[in-house]
All heavy atoms as atom14 arrays in JSON, in Angstrom:
{
  "sequence": "RILGLLDYLEKYDEGTKADNNHIISSLRKSSLDLDL",
  "atom14_mask": [
    [1, 1, 1, 1, 1, 1, 1, 1, 1, 1, 1, 0, 0, 0],
    [1, 1, 1, 1, 1, 1, 1, 1, 0, 0, 0, 0, 0, 0],
    [1, 1, 1, 1, 1, 1, 1, 1, 0, 0, 0, 0, 0, 0],
    [1, 1, 1, 1, 0, 0, 0, 0, 0, 0, 0, 0, 0, 0],
    [1, 1, 1, 1, 1, 1, 1, 1, 0, 0, 0, 0, 0, 0],
    [1, 1, 1, 1, 1, 1, 1, 1, 0, 0, 0, 0, 0, 0],
    [1, 1, 1, 1, 1, 1, 1, 1, 0, 0, 0, 0, 0, 0],
    [1, 1, 1, 1, 1, 1, 1, 1, 1, 1, 1, 1, 0, 0],
    [1, 1, 1, 1, 1, 1, 1, 1, 0, 0, 0, 0, 0, 0],
    [1, 1, 1, 1, 1, 1, 1, 1, 1, 0, 0, 0, 0, 0],
    [1, 1, 1, 1, 1, 1, 1, 1, 1, 0, 0, 0, 0, 0],
    [1, 1, 1, 1, 1, 1, 1, 1, 1, 1, 1, 1, 0, 0],
    [1, 1, 1, 1, 1, 1, 1, 1, 0, 0, 0, 0, 0, 0],
    [1, 1, 1, 1, 1, 1, 1, 1, 1, 0, 0, 0, 0, 0],
    [1, 1, 1, 1, 0, 0, 0, 0, 0, 0, 0, 0, 0, 0],
    [1, 1, 1, 1, 1, 1, 1, 0, 0, 0, 0, 0, 0, 0],
    [1, 1, 1, 1, 1, 1, 1, 1, 1, 0, 0, 0, 0, 0],
    [1, 1, 1, 1, 1, 0, 0, 0, 0, 0, 0, 0, 0, 0],
    [1, 1, 1, 1, 1, 1, 1, 1, 0, 0, 0, 0, 0, 0],
    [1, 1, 1, 1, 1, 1, 1, 1, 0, 0, 0, 0, 0, 0],
    [1, 1, 1, 1, 1, 1, 1, 1, 0, 0, 0, 0, 0, 0],
    [1, 1, 1, 1, 1, 1, 1, 1, 1, 1, 0, 0, 0, 0],
    [1, 1, 1, 1, 1, 1, 1, 1, 0, 0, 0, 0, 0, 0],
    [1, 1, 1, 1, 1, 1, 1, 1, 0, 0, 0, 0, 0, 0],
    [1, 1, 1, 1, 1, 1, 0, 0, 0, 0, 0, 0, 0, 0],
    [1, 1, 1, 1, 1, 1, 0, 0, 0, 0, 0, 0, 0, 0],
    [1, 1, 1, 1, 1, 1, 1, 1, 0, 0, 0, 0, 0, 0],
    [1, 1, 1, 1, 1, 1, 1, 1, 1, 1, 1, 0, 0, 0],
    [1, 1, 1, 1, 1, 1, 1, 1, 1, 0, 0, 0, 0, 0],
    [1, 1, 1, 1, 1, 1, 0, 0, 0, 0, 0, 0, 0, 0],
    [1, 1, 1, 1, 1, 1, 0, 0, 0, 0, 0, 0, 0, 0],
    [1, 1, 1, 1, 1, 1, 1, 1, 0, 0, 0, 0, 0, 0],
    [1, 1, 1, 1, 1, 1, 1, 1, 0, 0, 0, 0, 0, 0],
    [1, 1, 1, 1, 1, 1, 1, 1, 0, 0, 0, 0, 0, 0],
    [1, 1, 1, 1, 1, 1, 1, 1, 0, 0, 0, 0, 0, 0],
    [1, 1, 1, 1, 1, 1, 1, 1, 0, 0, 0, 0, 0, 0]
  ],
  "atom14_positions": [
    [[0.83, -1.2, 0.0], [0.0, 0.0, 0.0], [0.87, 1.25, 0.0], [0.64, 2.23, -0.71], [-0.94, 0.0, 1.2], [-2.07, -1.04, 1.07], [-3.22, -0.71, 2.05], [-2.79, -0.68, 3.44], [-2.78, -1.74, 4.21], [-3.16, -2.92, 3.75], [-2.39, -1.6, 5.46], [0.0, 0.0, 0.0], [0.0, 0.0, 0.0], [0.0, 0.0, 0.0]],
    [[1.9, 1.2, 0.89], [2.8, 2.36, 0.98], [3.49, 2.61, -0.37], [3.59, 3.76, -0.85], [3.83, 2.15, 2.08], [3.15, 2.16, 3.45], [4.93, 3.19, 2.05], [4.05, 1.76, 4.61], [0.0, 0.0, 0.0], [0.0, 0.0, 0.0], [0.0, 0.0, 0.0], [0.0, 0.0, 0.0], [0.0, 0.0, 0.0], [0.0, 0.0, 0.0]],
    [[4.01, 1.57, -0.97], [4.7, 1.7, -2.24], [3.74, 2.24, -3.33], [4.12, 3.07, -4.2], [5.29, 0.34, -2.67], [6.45, -0.17, -1.8], [6.85, -1.57, -2.24], [7.65, 0.77, -1.92], [0.0, 0.0, 0.0], [0.0, 0.0, 0.0], [0.0, 0.0, 0.0], [0.0, 0.0, 0.0], [0.0, 0.0, 0.0], [0.0, 0.0, 0.0]],
    [[2.47, 1.76, -3.3], [1.49, 2.23, -4.29], [1.17, 3.71, -4.14], [1.06, 4.46, -5.13], [0.0, 0.0, 0.0], [0.0, 0.0, 0.0], [0.0, 0.0, 0.0], [0.0, 0.0, 0.0], [0.0, 0.0, 0.0], [0.0, 0.0, 0.0], [0.0, 0.0, 0.0], [0.0, 0.0, 0.0], [0.0, 0.0, 0.0], [0.0, 0.0, 0.0]],
    [[1.0, 4.14, -2.86], [0.7, 5.55, -2.58], [1.87, 6.43, -2.98], [1.7, 7.54, -3.54], [0.35, 5.71, -1.1], [-0.99, 5.09, -0.66], [-1.12, 5.14, 0.86], [-2.17, 5.84, -1.32], [0.0, 0.0, 0.0], [0.0, 0.0, 0.0], [0.0, 0.0, 0.0], [0.0, 0.0, 0.0], [0.0, 0.0, 0.0], [0.0, 0.0, 0.0]],
    [[3.1, 5.99, -2.69], [4.28, 6.78, -3.06], [4.38, 6.87, -4.58], [4.75, 7.93, -5.14], [5.55, 6.13, -2.48], [5.7, 6.22, -0.96], [6.92, 5.41, -0.49], [5.86, 7.68, -0.52], [0.0, 0.0, 0.0], [0.0, 0.0, 0.0], [0.0, 0.0, 0.0], [0.0, 0.0, 0.0], [0.0, 0.0, 0.0], [0.0, 0.0, 0.0]],
    [[4.06, 5.82, -5.22], [4.12, 5.81, -6.68], [3.06, 6.78, -7.24], [3.31, 7.49, -8.23], [3.87, 4.41, -7.21], [4.04, 4.32, -8.71], [5.15, 4.62, -9.2], [3.08, 3.88, -9.37], [0.0, 0.0, 0.0], [0.0, 0.0, 0.0], [0.0, 0.0, 0.0], [0.0, 0.0, 0.0], [0.0, 0.0, 0.0], [0.0, 0.0, 0.0]],
    [[1.89, 6.83, -6.61], [0.82, 7.75, -7.03], [1.27, 9.19, -6.87], [1.04, 10.04, -7.74], [-0.44, 7.46, -6.21], [-1.59, 8.37, -6.56], [-2.41, 8.15, -7.68], [-1.83, 9.5, -5.76], [-3.43, 9.02, -7.98], [-2.88, 10.37, -6.06], [-3.68, 10.11, -7.18], [-4.7, 10.99, -7.47], [0.0, 0.0, 0.0], [0.0, 0.0, 0.0]],
    [[1.94, 9.49, -5.73], [2.41, 10.85, -5.47], [3.44, 11.27, -6.51], [3.47, 12.44, -6.94], [3.03, 10.95, -4.08], [2.03, 10.92, -2.9], [2.8, 10.9, -1.58], [1.1, 12.14, -2.95], [0.0, 0.0, 0.0], [0.0, 0.0, 0.0], [0.0, 0.0, 0.0], [0.0, 0.0, 0.0], [0.0, 0.0, 0.0], [0.0, 0.0, 0.0]],
    [[4.26, 10.35, -6.93], [5.28, 10.71, -7.91], [4.64, 11.0, -9.27], [5.09, 11.89, -10.03], [6.29, 9.57, -8.04], [7.2, 9.43, -6.87], [8.17, 8.28, -7.03], [8.07, 7.52, -8.03], [9.04, 8.09, -6.14], [0.0, 0.0, 0.0], [0.0, 0.0, 0.0], [0.0, 0.0, 0.0], [0.0, 0.0, 0.0], [0.0, 0.0, 0.0]],
    [[3.61, 10.31, -9.62], [2.99, 10.47, -10.95], [2.0, 11.62, -10.98], [1.79, 12.29, -12.03], [2.31, 9.17, -11.36], [3.3, 8.07, -11.66], [2.56, 6.82, -12.08], [3.53, 5.72, -12.45], [2.83, 4.48, -12.88], [0.0, 0.0, 0.0], [0.0, 0.0, 0.0], [0.0, 0.0, 0.0], [0.0, 0.0, 0.0], [0.0, 0.0, 0.0]],
    [[1.29, 11.82, -9.87], [0.22, 12.84, -9.87], [0.53, 13.89, -8.81], [-0.1, 13.94, -7.74], [-1.13, 12.19, -9.59], [-1.45, 11.07, -10.58], [-1.24, 9.75, -10.25], [-1.96, 11.39, -11.85], [-1.53, 8.73, -11.15], [-2.25, 10.37, -12.75], [-2.04, 9.04, -12.4], [-2.31, 8.03, -13.26], [0.0, 0.0, 0.0], [0.0, 0.0, 0.0]],
    [[1.54, 14.69, -9.03], [1.94, 15.7, -8.05], [1.03, 16.93, -8.1], [1.14, 17.84, -7.29], [3.39, 16.12, -8.3], [3.62, 16.57, -9.74], [2.71, 16.41, -10.55], [4.74, 17.02, -10.01], [0.0, 0.0, 0.0], [0.0, 0.0, 0.0], [0.0, 0.0, 0.0], [0.0, 0.0, 0.0], [0.0, 0.0, 0.0], [0.0, 0.0, 0.0]],
    [[0.09, 17.0, -9.04], [-0.81, 18.13, -9.13], [-2.19, 17.83, -8.51], [-3.18, 18.45, -8.82], [-0.99, 18.5, -10.6], [0.28, 19.01, -11.27], [0.08, 19.36, -12.72], [-1.06, 19.14, -13.21], [1.02, 19.86, -13.35], [0.0, 0.0, 0.0], [0.0, 0.0, 0.0], [0.0, 0.0, 0.0], [0.0, 0.0, 0.0], [0.0, 0.0, 0.0]],
    [[-2.24, 16.88, -7.69], [-3.5, 16.53, -7.05], [-3.97, 17.6, -6.08], [-3.2, 18.46, -5.65], [0.0, 0.0, 0.0], [0.0, 0.0, 0.0], [0.0, 0.0, 0.0], [0.0, 0.0, 0.0], [0.0, 0.0, 0.0], [0.0, 0.0, 0.0], [0.0, 0.0, 0.0], [0.0, 0.0, 0.0], [0.0, 0.0, 0.0], [0.0, 0.0, 0.0]],
    [[-5.22, 17.53, -5.71], [-5.79, 18.49, -4.77], [-5.22, 18.26, -3.4], [-4.67, 17.21, -3.09], [-7.32, 18.37, -4.74], [-7.63, 17.08, -4.23], [-7.91, 18.58, -6.14], [0.0, 0.0, 0.0], [0.0, 0.0, 0.0], [0.0, 0.0, 0.0], [0.0, 0.0, 0.0], [0.0, 0.0, 0.0], [0.0, 0.0, 0.0], [0.0, 0.0, 0.0]],
    [[-5.44, 19.29, -2.6], [-4.94, 19.2, -1.22], [-5.67, 18.11, -0.45], [-5.09, 17.37, 0.34], [-5.14, 20.55, -0.53], [-4.54, 20.59, 0.86], [-4.69, 21.99, 1.45], [-4.05, 22.06, 2.82], [-4.17, 23.41, 3.4], [0.0, 0.0, 0.0], [0.0, 0.0, 0.0], [0.0, 0.0, 0.0], [0.0, 0.0, 0.0], [0.0, 0.0, 0.0]],
    [[-6.95, 17.99, -0.72], [-7.74, 16.96, -0.02], [-7.26, 15.57, -0.4], [-7.14, 14.68, 0.44], [-9.23, 17.11, -0.35], [0.0, 0.0, 0.0], [0.0, 0.0, 0.0], [0.0, 0.0, 0.0], [0.0, 0.0, 0.0], [0.0, 0.0, 0.0], [0.0, 0.0, 0.0], [0.0, 0.0, 0.0], [0.0, 0.0, 0.0], [0.0, 0.0, 0.0]],
    [[-6.89, 15.43, -1.69], [-6.38, 14.12, -2.11], [-5.05, 13.83, -1.46], [-4.78, 12.69, -1.02], [-6.24, 14.07, -3.64], [-7.59, 14.11, -4.35], [-8.59, 13.67, -3.71], [-7.63, 14.49, -5.52], [0.0, 0.0, 0.0], [0.0, 0.0, 0.0], [0.0, 0.0, 0.0], [0.0, 0.0, 0.0], [0.0, 0.0, 0.0], [0.0, 0.0, 0.0]],
    [[-4.23, 14.86, -1.42], [-2.9, 14.67, -0.8], [-3.02, 14.32, 0.67], [-2.3, 13.47, 1.2], [-2.03, 15.91, -0.98], [-1.63, 16.13, -2.44], [-1.59, 15.16, -3.23], [-1.33, 17.37, -2.82], [0.0, 0.0, 0.0], [0.0, 0.0, 0.0], [0.0, 0.0, 0.0], [0.0, 0.0, 0.0], [0.0, 0.0, 0.0], [0.0, 0.0, 0.0]],
    [[-3.9, 15.01, 1.34], [-4.1, 14.71, 2.78], [-4.6, 13.27, 2.96], [-4.22, 12.57, 3.92], [-5.1, 15.7, 3.4], [-4.5, 17.11, 3.53], [-3.27, 17.27, 3.59], [-5.35, 18.12, 3.54], [0.0, 0.0, 0.0], [0.0, 0.0, 0.0], [0.0, 0.0, 0.0], [0.0, 0.0, 0.0], [0.0, 0.0, 0.0], [0.0, 0.0, 0.0]],
    [[-5.5, 12.9, 2.05], [-6.01, 11.5, 2.16], [-4.89, 10.48, 1.93], [-4.79, 9.45, 2.64], [-7.13, 11.31, 1.14], [-7.67, 9.92, 1.13], [-8.47, 9.42, 2.15], [-7.53, 8.91, 0.22], [-8.78, 8.19, 1.89], [-8.21, 7.84, 0.68], [0.0, 0.0, 0.0], [0.0, 0.0, 0.0], [0.0, 0.0, 0.0], [0.0, 0.0, 0.0]],
    [[-4.02, 10.8, 0.97], [-2.89, 9.88, 0.68], [-1.94, 9.83, 1.87], [-1.48, 8.74, 2.29], [-2.16, 10.32, -0.59], [-3.06, 10.1, -1.83], [-0.84, 9.55, -0.77], [-2.51, 10.73, -3.12], [0.0, 0.0, 0.0], [0.0, 0.0, 0.0], [0.0, 0.0, 0.0], [0.0, 0.0, 0.0], [0.0, 0.0, 0.0], [0.0, 0.0, 0.0]],
    [[-1.64, 11.0, 2.45], [-0.73, 11.05, 3.61], [-1.32, 10.27, 4.78], [-0.62, 9.53, 5.49], [-0.44, 12.51, 4.0], [0.4, 13.18, 2.91], [0.29, 12.57, 5.35], [0.54, 14.7, 3.09], [0.0, 0.0, 0.0], [0.0, 0.0, 0.0], [0.0, 0.0, 0.0], [0.0, 0.0, 0.0], [0.0, 0.0, 0.0], [0.0, 0.0, 0.0]],
    [[-2.63, 10.45, 4.95], [-3.3, 9.72, 6.04], [-3.19, 8.21, 5.8], [-2.94, 7.42, 6.74], [-4.77, 10.17, 6.11], [-5.45, 9.43, 7.11], [0.0, 0.0, 0.0], [0.0, 0.0, 0.0], [0.0, 0.0, 0.0], [0.0, 0.0, 0.0], [0.0, 0.0, 0.0], [0.0, 0.0, 0.0], [0.0, 0.0, 0.0], [0.0, 0.0, 0.0]],
    [[-3.37, 7.78, 4.54], [-3.25, 6.33, 4.24], [-1.84, 5.83, 4.44], [-1.61, 4.71, 4.95], [-3.71, 6.09, 2.77], [-5.06, 6.43, 2.59], [0.0, 0.0, 0.0], [0.0, 0.0, 0.0], [0.0, 0.0, 0.0], [0.0, 0.0, 0.0], [0.0, 0.0, 0.0], [0.0, 0.0, 0.0], [0.0, 0.0, 0.0], [0.0, 0.0, 0.0]],
    [[-0.84, 6.72, 4.06], [0.55, 6.33, 4.3], [0.84, 6.15, 5.79], [1.52, 5.2, 6.23], [1.51, 7.38, 3.71], [1.66, 7.37, 2.19], [2.46, 8.6, 1.72], [2.38, 6.08, 1.76], [0.0, 0.0, 0.0], [0.0, 0.0, 0.0], [0.0, 0.0, 0.0], [0.0, 0.0, 0.0], [0.0, 0.0, 0.0], [0.0, 0.0, 0.0]],
    [[0.33, 7.08, 6.59], [0.56, 6.96, 8.05], [-0.08, 5.69, 8.58], [0.52, 4.97, 9.4], [-0.03, 8.2, 8.73], [0.2, 8.18, 10.25], [-0.37, 9.42, 10.92], [0.44, 10.59, 10.55], [0.05, 11.58, 9.79], [-1.2, 11.55, 9.26], [0.83, 12.6, 9.49], [0.0, 0.0, 0.0], [0.0, 0.0, 0.0], [0.0, 0.0, 0.0]],
    [[-1.31, 5.44, 8.13], [-2.0, 4.25, 8.63], [-1.25, 2.98, 8.23], [-1.04, 2.06, 9.05], [-3.43, 4.2, 8.1], [-4.25, 3.02, 8.63], [-5.67, 3.09, 8.12], [-6.5, 1.93, 8.68], [-5.95, 0.65, 8.36], [0.0, 0.0, 0.0], [0.0, 0.0, 0.0], [0.0, 0.0, 0.0], [0.0, 0.0, 0.0], [0.0, 0.0, 0.0]],
    [[-0.83, 2.93, 6.96], [-0.09, 1.74, 6.5], [1.25, 1.61, 7.23], [1.69, 0.5, 7.58], [0.15, 1.84, 4.98], [-1.07, 1.82, 4.28], [0.0, 0.0, 0.0], [0.0, 0.0, 0.0], [0.0, 0.0, 0.0], [0.0, 0.0, 0.0], [0.0, 0.0, 0.0], [0.0, 0.0, 0.0], [0.0, 0.0, 0.0], [0.0, 0.0, 0.0]],
    [[1.92, 2.76, 7.51], [3.19, 2.72, 8.26], [2.98, 2.2, 9.69], [3.79, 1.42, 10.22], [3.82, 4.12, 8.29], [4.13, 4.56, 6.99], [0.0, 0.0, 0.0], [0.0, 0.0, 0.0], [0.0, 0.0, 0.0], [0.0, 0.0, 0.0], [0.0, 0.0, 0.0], [0.0, 0.0, 0.0], [0.0, 0.0, 0.0], [0.0, 0.0, 0.0]],
    [[1.89, 2.66, 10.32], [1.59, 2.18, 11.68], [1.29, 0.67, 11.67], [1.73, -0.07, 12.58], [0.39, 2.97, 12.25], [0.67, 4.44, 12.6], [-0.63, 5.17, 13.01], [1.72, 4.56, 13.71], [0.0, 0.0, 0.0], [0.0, 0.0, 0.0], [0.0, 0.0, 0.0], [0.0, 0.0, 0.0], [0.0, 0.0, 0.0], [0.0, 0.0, 0.0]],
    [[0.52, 0.28, 10.64], [0.25, -1.18, 10.54], [1.55, -1.96, 10.37], [1.75, -3.02, 10.98], [-0.69, -1.46, 9.36], [-2.11, -0.95, 9.6], [-2.44, -0.73, 10.79], [-2.86, -0.83, 8.61], [0.0, 0.0, 0.0], [0.0, 0.0, 0.0], [0.0, 0.0, 0.0], [0.0, 0.0, 0.0], [0.0, 0.0, 0.0], [0.0, 0.0, 0.0]],
    [[2.42, -1.41, 9.53], [3.71, -2.09, 9.31], [4.55, -2.11, 10.59], [5.2, -3.11, 10.91], [4.46, -1.38, 8.18], [5.81, -1.99, 7.79], [5.62, -3.45, 7.32], [6.48, -1.17, 6.69], [0.0, 0.0, 0.0], [0.0, 0.0, 0.0], [0.0, 0.0, 0.0], [0.0, 0.0, 0.0], [0.0, 0.0, 0.0], [0.0, 0.0, 0.0]],
    [[4.5, -1.0, 11.34], [5.25, -0.96, 12.63], [4.73, -2.02, 13.59], [5.52, -2.7, 14.28], [5.13, 0.44, 13.2], [5.89, 0.58, 14.51], [7.14, 0.37, 14.51], [5.26, 0.82, 15.57], [0.0, 0.0, 0.0], [0.0, 0.0, 0.0], [0.0, 0.0, 0.0], [0.0, 0.0, 0.0], [0.0, 0.0, 0.0], [0.0, 0.0, 0.0]],
    [[3.41, -2.16, 13.67], [2.84, -3.18, 14.57], [3.28, -4.59, 14.16], [3.61, -5.44, 15.0], [1.3, -3.07, 14.55], [0.7, -1.84, 15.26], [-0.82, -1.8, 15.05], [1.03, -1.88, 16.76], [0.0, 0.0, 0.0], [0.0, 0.0, 0.0], [0.0, 0.0, 0.0], [0.0, 0.0, 0.0], [0.0, 0.0, 0.0], [0.0, 0.0, 0.0]]
  ]
}
């Protein structure tokens, strides 16, 4: 999931702020899951 979201950010850097916040939130959640 993390790799997919990072790949999305690299390709679509002109996304809306709401989309970016949603992606960052998903990255944090996936990172926390990975930490657990």
